[in-house]
Structures are given as structure tokens and as C-alpha cells.
Amino acid sequence: MRLRNKPWAPALIQQHPEFILVDPPQMAGQWQKRFAKSQPLELELGSGKGQFIMEKARQNPQINFIAMEVQTAAIAMILKKQVVEQLPNLQLLQANGRDLLNYFAAQEISKLYLNFSDPWPKKKHTKRRLVAPNFLQMYQQILASQGQIEFKTDNQGLFEYALLSLNNFSAQFNRISLNLHASAYAASNIPTEYEDKFTQKGQPIFYLQAQLRPQKKDCPLNNTAEQSL
């Protein structure tokens, strides 16, 4: 969902290069230099207003986080909070997810979060879905060995597509829930702004955690997931 324009956003972004980079060249493999400590690096692709990623950073000082968002208004809202809190383990990146390989080196990311991504329901827009094969190929390159993907959505159609797409990519499913907030995973869940709204309306939240593996042909749906349906 596109946010309303924030007239103050561009100036704020220009004033704080210590916290945010905009479409930066030559950052692949160099992200640890942006943090106070060299630690495992986790990425949220499409961070919205930042409720999720900032709380992850607060709760996990032993991990470095990157909030990646293409919308100027959204990333500026995260930056506005970060200017106040100055979390040493959080950096912001304004860039398009289709260009991930321009910004991250092979195996640089230990975990990837996809929260309430645009479902792009029309068939002609399939390649824009963040769980489409063209994106999974990029994730496979930037994720470290045993690196994980966590995916949440309120859209059942997108969730079903994610399961099929990941399965066809030979992913190992570690967790699957058709109602996250009623599952065993609820206690450790950090909600996004959209998630709070959907939950208040009584909508179930679909959730999965998976690891990408070398692709195999004709592989049946992995049944090793710890399911909490």
C-alpha cells in the first residue's frame, strides 16, 4: 500500500547518511562496516513504517538488521524513529527489491523477512510477487548456508502461491501456520502495523519459515514442517 507523500521526507533522508543509504553503489559485502559490531545480518524486504524491524532490533542487540523499503514516505517514517532511538544494530536502505544482488554479496544475509508483501493478484504480475521464482533465485544467492526466510500475510491466495513456489524451489519448510496468532508461534511473534489491523478485524495471519536448498525436479511437497495449523 502506497503511503501519502511526506514533504519533509527527502530532507530528513539527506540529513542522516549515518542511518540510511539510498540506492548505494558498491555495498555488497560491506554492510558490517555500517554497524557498531560485526554480527549476523538479517534483512526485512519491504519494511513499511518499521514497527516490526525496530522491535526486532530492540529485542535482539546481538543481531544486525537492515530495513529495506522502496517508498520514500515509508522509509522516512522509520528513519524519523531511528534518529530518536539510534539503535546501533539497525540500518536503513531505500532501494527496490528487484535489485537485491546489487546491494548484497553471496551468503551475506542470515535471515530474510517478508511481511505482508503486495499480493499482486493478477497473473501478468506474478513475477512481482516477492515469493516468485525470480526473487527466490536472488534470495538463494544472498542467504547464508542454513539461512531462513520468514513470510507472513493475510492473503490466503498469496500464501498458497508461496507454498507452491517455495516447494518447487526445493525449500525445506520448518514452520507453517494457517492462523499464526492462535498457534504455538504467537508468543514470539512481533506484529507489523498491517498485522495489527488485520488481527483486530479477526482475519487469520498465515505464516511460514523455510530454508532454500538446491532445486530438485518433481519434488513432492516437503512434509517435514513443524505444522501449527
C-alpha atoms as a PDB file:
ATOM      1  CA  MET A   1       0.000   0.000   0.000  1.00  0.00           C
ATOM      2  CA  ARG A   2       1.435   3.334  -1.047  1.00  0.00           C
ATOM      3  CA  LEU A   3       1.595   5.977   1.669  1.00  0.00           C
ATOM      4  CA  ARG A   4       0.778   9.634   1.260  1.00  0.00           C
ATOM      5  CA  ASN A   5       3.658  11.875   0.317  1.00  0.00           C
ATOM      6  CA  LYS A   6       5.657  13.303   3.230  1.00  0.00           C
ATOM      7  CA  PRO A   7       7.094  16.684   2.142  1.00  0.00           C
ATOM      8  CA  TRP A   8       9.711  16.532   4.904  1.00  0.00           C
ATOM      9  CA  ALA A   9      10.978  13.073   3.961  1.00  0.00           C
ATOM     10  CA  PRO A  10      13.685  13.845   1.332  1.00  0.00           C
ATOM     11  CA  ALA A  11      15.377  16.440   3.526  1.00  0.00           C
ATOM     12  CA  LEU A  12      15.392  14.119   6.542  1.00  0.00           C
ATOM     13  CA  ILE A  13      16.958  11.342   4.474  1.00  0.00           C
ATOM     14  CA  GLN A  14      19.693  13.664   3.203  1.00  0.00           C
ATOM     15  CA  GLN A  15      20.468  14.828   6.744  1.00  0.00           C
ATOM     16  CA  HIS A  16      21.145  11.346   8.136  1.00  0.00           C
ATOM     17  CA  PRO A  17      23.523   9.321   5.948  1.00  0.00           C
ATOM     18  CA  GLU A  18      24.749   7.609   9.132  1.00  0.00           C
ATOM     19  CA  PHE A  19      21.455   5.713   9.343  1.00  0.00           C
ATOM     20  CA  ILE A  20      20.241   5.380   5.757  1.00  0.00           C
ATOM     21  CA  LEU A  21      21.597   4.731   2.271  1.00  0.00           C
ATOM     22  CA  VAL A  22      19.675   5.389  -0.932  1.00  0.00           C
ATOM     23  CA  ASP A  23      20.376   3.049  -3.852  1.00  0.00           C
ATOM     24  CA  PRO A  24      24.023   2.765  -2.758  1.00  0.00           C
ATOM     25  CA  PRO A  25      26.726   1.525  -5.137  1.00  0.00           C
ATOM     26  CA  GLN A  26      29.346  -0.984  -4.008  1.00  0.00           C
ATOM     27  CA  MET A  27      27.756  -2.006  -0.698  1.00  0.00           C
ATOM     28  CA  ALA A  28      27.679  -5.756  -1.387  1.00  0.00           C
ATOM     29  CA  GLY A  29      29.807  -7.447   1.241  1.00  0.00           C
ATOM     30  CA  GLN A  30      30.423  -4.182   3.109  1.00  0.00           C
ATOM     31  CA  TRP A  31      27.379  -3.898   5.363  1.00  0.00           C
ATOM     32  CA  GLN A  32      29.097  -4.835   8.615  1.00  0.00           C
ATOM     33  CA  LYS A  33      31.094  -1.601   8.382  1.00  0.00           C
ATOM     34  CA  ARG A  34      27.823   0.294   8.906  1.00  0.00           C
ATOM     35  CA  PHE A  35      27.261  -1.228  12.342  1.00  0.00           C
ATOM     36  CA  ALA A  36      28.870  -0.841  15.751  1.00  0.00           C
ATOM     37  CA  LYS A  37      29.669  -4.580  15.829  1.00  0.00           C
ATOM     38  CA  SER A  38      30.083  -7.324  13.252  1.00  0.00           C
ATOM     39  CA  GLN A  39      27.160  -9.676  13.920  1.00  0.00           C
ATOM     40  CA  PRO A  40      24.730 -11.919  11.994  1.00  0.00           C
ATOM     41  CA  LEU A  41      22.863  -9.785   9.456  1.00  0.00           C
ATOM     42  CA  GLU A  42      19.114 -10.019   8.918  1.00  0.00           C
ATOM     43  CA  LEU A  43      17.050  -8.214   6.282  1.00  0.00           C
ATOM     44  CA  GLU A  44      13.389  -7.205   6.092  1.00  0.00           C
ATOM     45  CA  LEU A  45      12.363  -6.665   2.492  1.00  0.00           C
ATOM     46  CA  GLY A  46       9.519  -4.152   2.459  1.00  0.00           C
ATOM     47  CA  SER A  47       9.613  -2.668   5.954  1.00  0.00           C
ATOM     48  CA  GLY A  48       6.644  -0.314   5.743  1.00  0.00           C
ATOM     49  CA  LYS A  49       6.618   2.054   8.708  1.00  0.00           C
ATOM     50  CA  GLY A  50       9.126  -0.077  10.596  1.00  0.00           C
ATOM     51  CA  GLN A  51       7.200  -1.375  13.611  1.00  0.00           C
ATOM     52  CA  PHE A  52       8.425  -4.945  13.096  1.00  0.00           C
ATOM     53  CA  ILE A  53      12.075  -4.334  12.261  1.00  0.00           C
ATOM     54  CA  MET A  54      12.634  -1.764  15.005  1.00  0.00           C
ATOM     55  CA  GLU A  55      11.215  -4.079  17.642  1.00  0.00           C
ATOM     56  CA  LYS A  56      13.362  -6.929  16.304  1.00  0.00           C
ATOM     57  CA  ALA A  57      16.417  -4.702  16.696  1.00  0.00           C
ATOM     58  CA  ARG A  58      15.437  -3.693  20.238  1.00  0.00           C
ATOM     59  CA  GLN A  59      14.900  -7.283  21.338  1.00  0.00           C
ATOM     60  CA  ASN A  60      17.979  -8.694  19.601  1.00  0.00           C
ATOM     61  CA  PRO A  61      21.049  -6.490  20.161  1.00  0.00           C
ATOM     62  CA  GLN A  62      23.244  -9.460  19.167  1.00  0.00           C
ATOM     63  CA  ILE A  63      21.950  -9.272  15.573  1.00  0.00           C
ATOM     64  CA  ASN A  64      22.329  -6.539  12.949  1.00  0.00           C
ATOM     65  CA  PHE A  65      19.246  -5.612  10.952  1.00  0.00           C
ATOM     66  CA  ILE A  66      18.559  -3.843   7.665  1.00  0.00           C
ATOM     67  CA  ALA A  67      15.171  -2.323   6.888  1.00  0.00           C
ATOM     68  CA  MET A  68      14.782  -2.190   3.103  1.00  0.00           C
ATOM     69  CA  GLU A  69      11.927  -0.166   1.630  1.00  0.00           C
ATOM     70  CA  VAL A  70      11.390   1.494  -1.740  1.00  0.00           C
ATOM     71  CA  GLN A  71       8.817   4.122  -0.709  1.00  0.00           C
ATOM     72  CA  THR A  72      10.330   7.420   0.380  1.00  0.00           C
ATOM     73  CA  ALA A  73       7.468   8.220   2.770  1.00  0.00           C
ATOM     74  CA  ALA A  74       7.688   4.831   4.486  1.00  0.00           C
ATOM     75  CA  ILE A  75      11.463   4.671   4.909  1.00  0.00           C
ATOM     76  CA  ALA A  76      11.454   8.258   6.193  1.00  0.00           C
ATOM     77  CA  MET A  77       8.973   7.282   8.907  1.00  0.00           C
ATOM     78  CA  ILE A  78      11.365   4.558  10.062  1.00  0.00           C
ATOM     79  CA  LEU A  79      14.267   6.991   9.893  1.00  0.00           C
ATOM     80  CA  LYS A  80      12.382   9.543  11.993  1.00  0.00           C
ATOM     81  CA  LYS A  81      12.113   6.961  14.792  1.00  0.00           C
ATOM     82  CA  GLN A  82      15.700   5.802  14.370  1.00  0.00           C
ATOM     83  CA  VAL A  83      17.021   9.355  14.680  1.00  0.00           C
ATOM     84  CA  VAL A  84      15.462   9.403  18.153  1.00  0.00           C
ATOM     85  CA  GLU A  85      16.362   5.871  19.266  1.00  0.00           C
ATOM     86  CA  GLN A  86      19.682   5.473  17.432  1.00  0.00           C
ATOM     87  CA  LEU A  87      19.644   1.690  17.621  1.00  0.00           C
ATOM     88  CA  PRO A  88      23.255   0.636  16.896  1.00  0.00           C
ATOM     89  CA  ASN A  89      22.154  -2.591  15.184  1.00  0.00           C
ATOM     90  CA  LEU A  90      19.736  -1.073  12.658  1.00  0.00           C
ATOM     91  CA  GLN A  91      20.474   0.391   9.237  1.00  0.00           C
ATOM     92  CA  LEU A  92      18.031   1.571   6.569  1.00  0.00           C
ATOM     93  CA  LEU A  93      18.183   1.028   2.836  1.00  0.00           C
ATOM     94  CA  GLN A  94      15.933   2.774   0.326  1.00  0.00           C
ATOM     95  CA  ALA A  95      16.025   0.632  -2.787  1.00  0.00           C
ATOM     96  CA  ASN A  96      13.967  -1.716  -4.950  1.00  0.00           C
ATOM     97  CA  GLY A  97      13.879  -5.395  -4.031  1.00  0.00           C
ATOM     98  CA  ARG A  98      14.344  -6.445  -7.636  1.00  0.00           C
ATOM     99  CA  ASP A  99      17.936  -5.178  -7.357  1.00  0.00           C
ATOM    100  CA  LEU A 100      18.965  -7.192  -4.289  1.00  0.00           C
ATOM    101  CA  LEU A 101      22.083  -8.567  -5.951  1.00  0.00           C
ATOM    102  CA  ASN A 102      23.362  -5.009  -6.389  1.00  0.00           C
ATOM    103  CA  TYR A 103      23.368  -4.481  -2.633  1.00  0.00           C
ATOM    104  CA  PHE A 104      24.244  -7.810  -1.018  1.00  0.00           C
ATOM    105  CA  ALA A 105      27.035 -10.303  -1.543  1.00  0.00           C
ATOM    106  CA  ALA A 106      26.702 -14.061  -1.683  1.00  0.00           C
ATOM    107  CA  GLN A 107      25.675 -15.517   1.694  1.00  0.00           C
ATOM    108  CA  GLU A 108      25.744 -12.100   3.368  1.00  0.00           C
ATOM    109  CA  ILE A 109      22.258 -12.395   4.919  1.00  0.00           C
ATOM    110  CA  SER A 110      21.439 -14.914   7.634  1.00  0.00           C
ATOM    111  CA  LYS A 111      17.670 -14.373   7.669  1.00  0.00           C
ATOM    112  CA  LEU A 112      15.129 -12.696   5.394  1.00  0.00           C
ATOM    113  CA  TYR A 113      11.719 -11.368   6.468  1.00  0.00           C
ATOM    114  CA  LEU A 114       8.838 -10.910   4.019  1.00  0.00           C
ATOM    115  CA  ASN A 115       5.946  -9.317   5.885  1.00  0.00           C
ATOM    116  CA  PHE A 116       2.606  -8.564   4.218  1.00  0.00           C
ATOM    117  CA  SER A 117       4.044  -8.118   0.766  1.00  0.00           C
ATOM    118  CA  ASP A 118       1.863  -6.834  -2.067  1.00  0.00           C
ATOM    119  CA  PRO A 119      -0.042  -9.915  -3.347  1.00  0.00           C
ATOM    120  CA  TRP A 120      -0.019  -8.768  -6.993  1.00  0.00           C
ATOM    121  CA  PRO A 121      -3.086 -10.966  -7.705  1.00  0.00           C
ATOM    122  CA  LYS A 122      -3.160 -10.577 -11.499  1.00  0.00           C
ATOM    123  CA  LYS A 123      -1.404 -13.361 -13.389  1.00  0.00           C
ATOM    124  CA  LYS A 124       0.516 -10.878 -15.538  1.00  0.00           C
ATOM    125  CA  HIS A 125       2.095  -9.507 -12.350  1.00  0.00           C
ATOM    126  CA  THR A 126       3.252 -12.877 -10.987  1.00  0.00           C
ATOM    127  CA  LYS A 127       6.948 -12.009 -11.299  1.00  0.00           C
ATOM    128  CA  ARG A 128       6.433  -9.047  -8.976  1.00  0.00           C
ATOM    129  CA  ARG A 129       5.430 -11.265  -6.051  1.00  0.00           C
ATOM    130  CA  LEU A 130       8.283 -11.439  -3.552  1.00  0.00           C
ATOM    131  CA  VAL A 131       7.943 -15.231  -3.417  1.00  0.00           C
ATOM    132  CA  ALA A 132       8.081 -15.719  -7.193  1.00  0.00           C
ATOM    133  CA  PRO A 133      10.922 -17.874  -8.584  1.00  0.00           C
ATOM    134  CA  ASN A 134      12.867 -14.872  -9.870  1.00  0.00           C
ATOM    135  CA  PHE A 135      13.028 -13.499  -6.316  1.00  0.00           C
ATOM    136  CA  LEU A 136      13.761 -16.893  -4.759  1.00  0.00           C
ATOM    137  CA  GLN A 137      16.790 -17.199  -7.040  1.00  0.00           C
ATOM    138  CA  MET A 138      18.154 -13.960  -5.611  1.00  0.00           C
ATOM    139  CA  TYR A 139      17.404 -14.978  -2.031  1.00  0.00           C
ATOM    140  CA  GLN A 140      19.245 -18.244  -2.588  1.00  0.00           C
ATOM    141  CA  GLN A 141      22.350 -16.284  -3.531  1.00  0.00           C
ATOM    142  CA  ILE A 142      22.379 -13.756  -0.690  1.00  0.00           C
ATOM    143  CA  LEU A 143      21.282 -16.121   2.107  1.00  0.00           C
ATOM    144  CA  ALA A 144      23.978 -17.848   4.125  1.00  0.00           C
ATOM    145  CA  SER A 145      24.069 -21.617   4.460  1.00  0.00           C
ATOM    146  CA  GLN A 146      21.063 -22.617   6.598  1.00  0.00           C
ATOM    147  CA  GLY A 147      19.696 -19.087   6.115  1.00  0.00           C
ATOM    148  CA  GLN A 148      15.967 -18.771   6.659  1.00  0.00           C
ATOM    149  CA  ILE A 149      13.010 -16.995   5.110  1.00  0.00           C
ATOM    150  CA  GLU A 150      10.083 -15.946   7.292  1.00  0.00           C
ATOM    151  CA  PHE A 151       6.893 -14.983   5.491  1.00  0.00           C
ATOM    152  CA  LYS A 152       3.629 -13.543   6.862  1.00  0.00           C
ATOM    153  CA  THR A 153       0.486 -12.482   5.032  1.00  0.00           C
ATOM    154  CA  ASP A 154      -3.259 -12.084   5.475  1.00  0.00           C
ATOM    155  CA  ASN A 155      -3.811 -13.106   1.842  1.00  0.00           C
ATOM    156  CA  GLN A 156      -4.647 -16.803   1.530  1.00  0.00           C
ATOM    157  CA  GLY A 157      -4.079 -16.849  -2.223  1.00  0.00           C
ATOM    158  CA  LEU A 158      -0.602 -15.385  -1.843  1.00  0.00           C
ATOM    159  CA  PHE A 159       0.190 -17.835   0.947  1.00  0.00           C
ATOM    160  CA  GLU A 160      -0.834 -20.799  -1.198  1.00  0.00           C
ATOM    161  CA  TYR A 161       1.300 -19.420  -4.018  1.00  0.00           C
ATOM    162  CA  ALA A 162       4.239 -19.032  -1.606  1.00  0.00           C
ATOM    163  CA  LEU A 163       3.955 -22.662  -0.513  1.00  0.00           C
ATOM    164  CA  LEU A 164       3.922 -23.901  -4.096  1.00  0.00           C
ATOM    165  CA  SER A 165       6.692 -21.574  -5.238  1.00  0.00           C
ATOM    166  CA  LEU A 166       8.985 -22.492  -2.351  1.00  0.00           C
ATOM    167  CA  ASN A 167       8.232 -26.182  -2.738  1.00  0.00           C
ATOM    168  CA  ASN A 168       9.072 -26.047  -6.446  1.00  0.00           C
ATOM    169  CA  PHE A 169      12.335 -24.426  -5.407  1.00  0.00           C
ATOM    170  CA  SER A 170      13.098 -27.398  -3.139  1.00  0.00           C
ATOM    171  CA  ALA A 171      12.673 -25.442   0.079  1.00  0.00           C
ATOM    172  CA  GLN A 172      12.576 -27.143   3.446  1.00  0.00           C
ATOM    173  CA  PHE A 173       9.583 -25.957   5.445  1.00  0.00           C
ATOM    174  CA  ASN A 174      10.384 -25.623   9.143  1.00  0.00           C
ATOM    175  CA  ARG A 175       7.142 -23.983  10.267  1.00  0.00           C
ATOM    176  CA  ILE A 176       3.714 -23.495   8.747  1.00  0.00           C
ATOM    177  CA  SER A 177       0.671 -21.923  10.378  1.00  0.00           C
ATOM    178  CA  LEU A 178      -2.710 -21.038   8.925  1.00  0.00           C
ATOM    179  CA  ASN A 179      -3.530 -18.961  11.993  1.00  0.00           C
ATOM    180  CA  LEU A 180      -0.351 -17.556  13.492  1.00  0.00           C
ATOM    181  CA  HIS A 181      -1.940 -15.784  16.435  1.00  0.00           C
ATOM    182  CA  ALA A 182      -3.655 -18.984  17.582  1.00  0.00           C
ATOM    183  CA  SER A 183      -0.516 -21.084  17.159  1.00  0.00           C
ATOM    184  CA  ALA A 184       2.455 -22.026  19.304  1.00  0.00           C
ATOM    185  CA  TYR A 185       4.469 -19.346  17.484  1.00  0.00           C
ATOM    186  CA  ALA A 186       2.301 -16.462  18.710  1.00  0.00           C
ATOM    187  CA  ALA A 187       4.299 -15.853  21.880  1.00  0.00           C
ATOM    188  CA  SER A 188       7.472 -14.914  19.989  1.00  0.00           C
ATOM    189  CA  ASN A 189       5.729 -13.123  17.120  1.00  0.00           C
ATOM    190  CA  ILE A 190       6.362  -9.421  16.538  1.00  0.00           C
ATOM    191  CA  PRO A 191       3.460  -7.881  14.599  1.00  0.00           C
ATOM    192  CA  THR A 192       3.645  -5.287  11.858  1.00  0.00           C
ATOM    193  CA  GLU A 193       1.322  -2.299  11.592  1.00  0.00           C
ATOM    194  CA  TYR A 194      -0.783  -4.080   8.964  1.00  0.00           C
ATOM    195  CA  GLU A 195      -0.847  -7.241  11.027  1.00  0.00           C
ATOM    196  CA  ASP A 196      -2.351  -5.393  13.984  1.00  0.00           C
ATOM    197  CA  LYS A 197      -5.117  -4.023  11.754  1.00  0.00           C
ATOM    198  CA  PHE A 198      -5.902  -7.381  10.182  1.00  0.00           C
ATOM    199  CA  THR A 199      -5.930  -9.159  13.533  1.00  0.00           C
ATOM    200  CA  GLN A 200      -8.314  -6.618  15.030  1.00  0.00           C
ATOM    201  CA  LYS A 201     -10.698  -7.439  12.179  1.00  0.00           C
ATOM    202  CA  GLY A 202     -10.499 -11.132  13.029  1.00  0.00           C
ATOM    203  CA  GLN A 203      -8.513 -12.119   9.930  1.00  0.00           C
ATOM    204  CA  PRO A 204      -6.141 -15.077  10.324  1.00  0.00           C
ATOM    205  CA  ILE A 205      -2.467 -14.484   9.666  1.00  0.00           C
ATOM    206  CA  PHE A 206      -0.671 -17.064   7.516  1.00  0.00           C
ATOM    207  CA  TYR A 207       2.935 -17.796   8.400  1.00  0.00           C
ATOM    208  CA  LEU A 208       5.820 -19.945   7.266  1.00  0.00           C
ATOM    209  CA  GLN A 209       9.508 -20.362   7.913  1.00  0.00           C
ATOM    210  CA  ALA A 210      11.620 -22.088   5.273  1.00  0.00           C
ATOM    211  CA  GLN A 211      15.156 -22.734   4.091  1.00  0.00           C
ATOM    212  CA  LEU A 212      16.154 -22.756   0.444  1.00  0.00           C
ATOM    213  CA  ARG A 213      18.053 -25.737  -0.899  1.00  0.00           C
ATOM    214  CA  PRO A 214      19.392 -26.678  -4.342  1.00  0.00           C
ATOM    215  CA  GLN A 215      16.406 -27.095  -6.633  1.00  0.00           C
ATOM    216  CA  LYS A 216      15.262 -30.621  -7.474  1.00  0.00           C
ATOM    217  CA  LYS A 217      12.792 -31.602 -10.160  1.00  0.00           C
ATOM    218  CA  ASP A 218       9.484 -33.273  -9.325  1.00  0.00           C
ATOM    219  CA  CYS A 219       9.975 -32.910  -5.593  1.00  0.00           C
ATOM    220  CA  PRO A 220       6.739 -33.541  -3.601  1.00  0.00           C
ATOM    221  CA  LEU A 221       5.614 -31.015  -1.005  1.00  0.00           C
ATOM    222  CA  ASN A 222       8.046 -31.216   1.880  1.00  0.00           C
ATOM    223  CA  ASN A 223       6.278 -32.768   4.868  1.00  0.00           C
ATOM    224  CA  THR A 224       8.989 -32.170   7.443  1.00  0.00           C
ATOM    225  CA  ALA A 225       7.492 -28.867   8.586  1.00  0.00           C
ATOM    226  CA  GLU A 226       6.607 -28.381  12.205  1.00  0.00           C
ATOM    227  CA  GLN A 227       2.984 -27.507  11.492  1.00  0.00           C
ATOM    228  CA  SER A 228       0.826 -25.440  13.827  1.00  0.00           C
ATOM    229  CA  LEU A 229      -2.441 -25.148  11.949  1.00  0.00           C
END
